[in-house]
């Protein structure tokens, strides 16, 4: 599929623009241990962490979900700002996309909204985004379409194929599909055959410079 030139770009945050697996895995390990469960390996965390805590913790911890969330976020907040690790080329990509003009950009994440905004501000990237939408900011979290509606509200751009949703997991691709947007998978590994079933991405790029190049091609005359 040839992607239309983007009228807006919506980014996932964790492990799309910043590498945060170490902090997430540590906080989750502490939480699982406190709940009397076996801590996950890093690889298990990479496979299993998709939904927001609001949606996933009741499945994991049942009646103790609120207690688990308190432990997780208390642990996470201790180090998340000092361990922010942007992916190579992410800042230059955002600067370049912003310089194009008239290209609204936003972040949509299943990280708690207040923590997400602290991170975008700590990096100085908040100036690039018309909205930074995290868990509990909308009536439902990603992959529900409400998060896209909230991110685009007031932008003058409606959800549709000219809105690119860029992320690294199936939840991001599903959110794109649910809101009618174009799904762009941003990760080093290309999708394996059948990996995403009925939510195949419209495009795959390996890194942030690759995404910048894809935007340039799509926006070029005749692109």
Protein backbone atom coordinates (compact mmCIF):
# COMPACT_ATOMS: atom_id res chain seq x y z
CA UNK A 1 0.00 0.00 0.00
CA UNK A 2 1.16 3.53 -0.78
CA UNK A 3 0.59 5.72 2.24
CA UNK A 4 -1.06 9.09 1.71
CA UNK A 5 0.92 12.13 2.77
CA UNK A 6 0.30 12.58 6.48
CA UNK A 7 -2.01 15.34 7.67
CA UNK A 8 -1.07 14.45 11.26
CA UNK A 9 1.16 11.90 12.99
CA UNK A 10 0.30 10.18 16.27
CA UNK A 11 3.16 8.49 18.11
CA UNK A 12 3.23 5.77 20.70
CA UNK A 13 5.83 6.71 23.33
CA UNK A 14 7.47 3.79 25.12
CA UNK A 15 9.77 1.81 22.86
CA UNK A 16 8.73 3.88 19.85
CA UNK A 17 10.43 7.18 20.70
CA UNK A 18 12.15 6.25 23.97
CA UNK A 19 13.63 2.99 25.28
CA UNK A 20 11.89 2.37 28.61
CA UNK A 21 11.87 -1.40 28.96
CA UNK A 22 14.39 -1.40 31.79
CA UNK A 23 12.33 0.90 34.01
CA UNK A 24 9.04 -0.82 33.17
CA UNK A 25 10.50 -4.27 33.78
CA UNK A 26 11.96 -3.26 37.15
CA UNK A 27 8.71 -1.70 38.39
CA UNK A 28 6.71 -4.69 37.21
CA UNK A 29 9.12 -7.15 38.85
CA UNK A 30 8.82 -5.35 42.19
CA UNK A 31 5.04 -5.37 41.84
CA UNK A 32 4.77 -9.05 40.96
CA UNK A 33 7.01 -10.01 43.87
CA UNK A 34 4.95 -7.90 46.27
CA UNK A 35 1.82 -9.64 45.02
CA UNK A 36 3.38 -13.06 45.62
CA UNK A 37 3.82 -13.84 41.94
CA UNK A 38 6.87 -14.87 39.95
CA UNK A 39 8.59 -11.86 38.35
CA UNK A 40 8.62 -11.88 34.57
CA UNK A 41 11.80 -11.99 32.59
CA UNK A 42 12.53 -9.01 30.41
CA UNK A 43 11.47 -11.01 27.37
CA UNK A 44 8.16 -11.91 29.04
CA UNK A 45 7.57 -8.26 29.85
CA UNK A 46 8.25 -7.31 26.23
CA UNK A 47 5.69 -9.89 25.07
CA UNK A 48 3.01 -9.19 27.65
CA UNK A 49 3.03 -5.46 28.39
CA UNK A 50 0.52 -3.90 26.01
CA UNK A 51 -2.55 -2.57 27.81
CA UNK A 52 -2.73 0.23 30.34
CA UNK A 53 -2.55 -0.67 34.03
CA UNK A 54 -6.21 0.31 34.29
CA UNK A 55 -7.05 -2.49 31.84
CA UNK A 56 -4.36 -5.09 32.59
CA UNK A 57 -3.89 -5.03 36.36
CA UNK A 58 -7.39 -6.33 37.20
CA UNK A 59 -6.59 -9.30 34.93
CA UNK A 60 -3.24 -9.86 36.61
CA UNK A 61 -4.06 -9.12 40.25
CA UNK A 62 -7.84 -9.35 40.62
CA UNK A 63 -9.15 -7.67 43.78
CA UNK A 64 -5.63 -6.42 44.60
CA UNK A 65 -5.31 -4.42 41.38
CA UNK A 66 -5.40 -1.03 43.10
CA UNK A 67 -2.72 -2.09 45.59
CA UNK A 68 -0.58 -3.38 42.74
CA UNK A 69 -0.95 -0.14 40.79
CA UNK A 70 0.21 1.87 43.81
CA UNK A 71 3.34 -0.29 44.11
CA UNK A 72 4.05 -0.20 40.39
CA UNK A 73 3.75 3.57 40.01
CA UNK A 74 5.62 4.32 43.23
CA UNK A 75 8.52 2.18 41.99
CA UNK A 76 8.35 3.55 38.46
CA UNK A 77 8.41 7.19 39.57
CA UNK A 78 11.63 6.69 41.52
CA UNK A 79 13.80 6.42 38.38
CA UNK A 80 11.80 7.01 35.21
CA UNK A 81 13.03 10.56 34.53
CA UNK A 82 16.71 9.91 35.17
CA UNK A 83 16.60 6.81 32.97
CA UNK A 84 14.84 8.36 29.97
CA UNK A 85 16.66 7.04 26.94
CA UNK A 86 15.55 8.45 23.56
CA UNK A 87 16.02 6.21 20.57
CA UNK A 88 18.77 7.22 18.13
CA UNK A 89 17.51 9.85 15.71
CA UNK A 90 14.22 10.46 17.53
CA UNK A 91 14.94 14.07 18.45
CA UNK A 92 16.26 14.93 14.98
CA UNK A 93 13.21 13.28 13.42
CA UNK A 94 10.80 15.30 15.55
CA UNK A 95 12.71 18.50 14.81
CA UNK A 96 12.61 17.75 11.10
CA UNK A 97 8.91 16.92 11.06
CA UNK A 98 8.11 20.05 13.04
CA UNK A 99 10.11 22.12 10.56
CA UNK A 100 7.87 20.92 7.74
CA UNK A 101 5.07 23.03 9.22
CA UNK A 102 1.35 22.30 9.32
CA UNK A 103 1.90 18.74 10.46
CA UNK A 104 0.27 18.27 13.87
CA UNK A 105 1.94 15.63 16.01
CA UNK A 106 0.73 14.03 19.22
CA UNK A 107 1.64 11.23 21.61
CA UNK A 108 -0.78 8.47 22.61
CA UNK A 109 0.42 6.04 25.26
CA UNK A 110 -0.93 3.60 27.81
CA UNK A 111 1.42 5.11 30.39
CA UNK A 112 -0.35 7.17 33.06
CA UNK A 113 -0.90 10.63 31.58
CA UNK A 114 0.78 12.66 34.32
CA UNK A 115 3.96 10.54 34.09
CA UNK A 116 3.94 10.66 30.30
CA UNK A 117 3.75 14.46 30.27
CA UNK A 118 6.60 14.69 32.78
CA UNK A 119 8.75 12.65 30.41
CA UNK A 120 7.94 14.67 27.29
CA UNK A 121 8.65 17.85 29.23
CA UNK A 122 11.90 16.50 30.69
CA UNK A 123 13.19 15.90 27.17
CA UNK A 124 11.88 19.26 25.93
CA UNK A 125 9.83 17.46 23.32
CA UNK A 126 6.44 18.67 24.55
CA UNK A 127 6.82 21.70 22.28
CA UNK A 128 6.44 19.42 19.26
CA UNK A 129 3.09 17.94 20.28
CA UNK A 130 -0.41 19.36 20.12
CA UNK A 131 -1.49 16.73 22.68
CA UNK A 132 0.09 14.16 24.97
CA UNK A 133 -2.57 11.59 25.81
CA UNK A 134 -1.93 8.91 28.41
CA UNK A 135 -3.87 6.26 30.29
CA UNK A 136 -7.06 7.50 31.97
CA UNK A 137 -7.03 10.79 30.02
CA UNK A 138 -9.82 9.55 27.74
CA UNK A 139 -12.88 7.50 28.72
CA UNK A 140 -11.09 4.39 27.41
CA UNK A 141 -7.40 3.72 26.82
CA UNK A 142 -5.57 2.57 23.70
CA UNK A 143 -6.60 0.72 21.49
CA UNK A 144 -9.98 2.46 21.87
CA UNK A 145 -10.61 5.22 19.30
CA UNK A 146 -11.41 7.76 22.02
CA UNK A 147 -7.70 8.41 22.57
CA UNK A 148 -7.29 9.38 18.91
CA UNK A 149 -10.33 11.65 19.07
CA UNK A 150 -8.88 13.37 22.14
CA UNK A 151 -5.43 13.77 20.60
CA UNK A 152 -6.82 15.34 17.42
CA UNK A 153 -9.47 17.51 19.08
CA UNK A 154 -9.00 21.13 18.10
CA UNK A 155 -6.41 20.31 15.43
CA UNK A 156 -8.76 20.62 12.48
CA UNK A 157 -7.68 17.16 11.35
CA UNK A 158 -10.15 14.28 11.47
CA UNK A 159 -9.16 10.68 12.04
CA UNK A 160 -8.70 8.84 8.76
CA UNK A 161 -6.06 7.38 6.43
CA UNK A 162 -4.13 10.67 6.29
CA UNK A 163 -3.48 10.38 10.02
CA UNK A 164 -0.52 8.09 10.64
CA UNK A 165 -0.44 6.14 13.89
CA UNK A 166 3.17 5.12 14.59
CA UNK A 167 3.98 2.46 17.17
CA UNK A 168 5.81 -0.76 17.93
CA UNK A 169 3.10 -3.20 19.07
CA UNK A 170 -0.16 -4.82 18.04
CA UNK A 171 -2.05 -2.46 20.36
CA UNK A 172 -0.83 0.48 18.28
CA UNK A 173 -1.85 -1.18 15.03
CA UNK A 174 -5.23 -2.06 16.49
CA UNK A 175 -5.76 1.51 17.68
CA UNK A 176 -4.99 2.73 14.17
CA UNK A 177 -7.51 0.31 12.72
CA UNK A 178 -10.17 1.17 15.29
CA UNK A 179 -9.88 4.85 14.46
CA UNK A 180 -9.51 4.46 10.70
CA UNK A 181 -5.92 5.73 10.63
CA UNK A 182 -2.90 4.43 8.72
CA UNK A 183 -0.75 2.11 10.86
CA UNK A 184 3.03 2.43 10.71
CA UNK A 185 5.10 -0.15 12.59
CA UNK A 186 8.33 1.35 13.92
CA UNK A 187 10.76 -1.27 15.21
CA UNK A 188 13.96 -2.90 14.10
CA UNK A 189 12.41 -6.25 13.17
CA UNK A 190 9.99 -6.44 10.23
CA UNK A 191 6.69 -8.18 10.98
CA UNK A 192 6.81 -11.94 10.73
CA UNK A 193 4.31 -13.62 8.40
CA UNK A 194 0.95 -13.70 10.15
CA UNK A 195 2.30 -11.97 13.27
CA UNK A 196 -0.39 -9.33 13.31
CA UNK A 197 -3.25 -11.35 11.82
CA UNK A 198 -5.96 -8.88 10.77
CA UNK A 199 -4.09 -5.75 11.91
CA UNK A 200 -1.18 -5.79 9.49
CA UNK A 201 0.66 -2.45 9.35
CA UNK A 202 0.36 -0.31 6.25
CA UNK A 203 4.12 0.31 6.43
CA UNK A 204 7.16 -0.75 8.44
CA UNK A 205 10.25 1.32 9.23
CA UNK A 206 13.22 0.17 11.27
CA UNK A 207 14.02 3.40 13.08
CA UNK A 208 13.26 7.10 13.46
CA UNK A 209 15.38 8.22 10.49
CA UNK A 210 13.49 5.64 8.44
CA UNK A 211 10.19 7.21 9.46
CA UNK A 212 11.44 10.67 8.51
CA UNK A 213 12.40 9.31 5.09
CA UNK A 214 8.98 7.67 4.69
CA UNK A 215 7.23 10.95 5.43
CA UNK A 216 9.43 12.75 2.92
CA UNK A 217 8.62 10.19 0.21
CA UNK A 218 4.89 10.29 0.90
CA UNK A 219 4.82 14.08 0.90
CA UNK A 220 6.89 14.47 -2.26
CA UNK A 221 5.03 15.49 -5.43
CA UNK A 222 3.79 12.31 -7.04
CA UNK A 223 4.69 10.35 -3.92
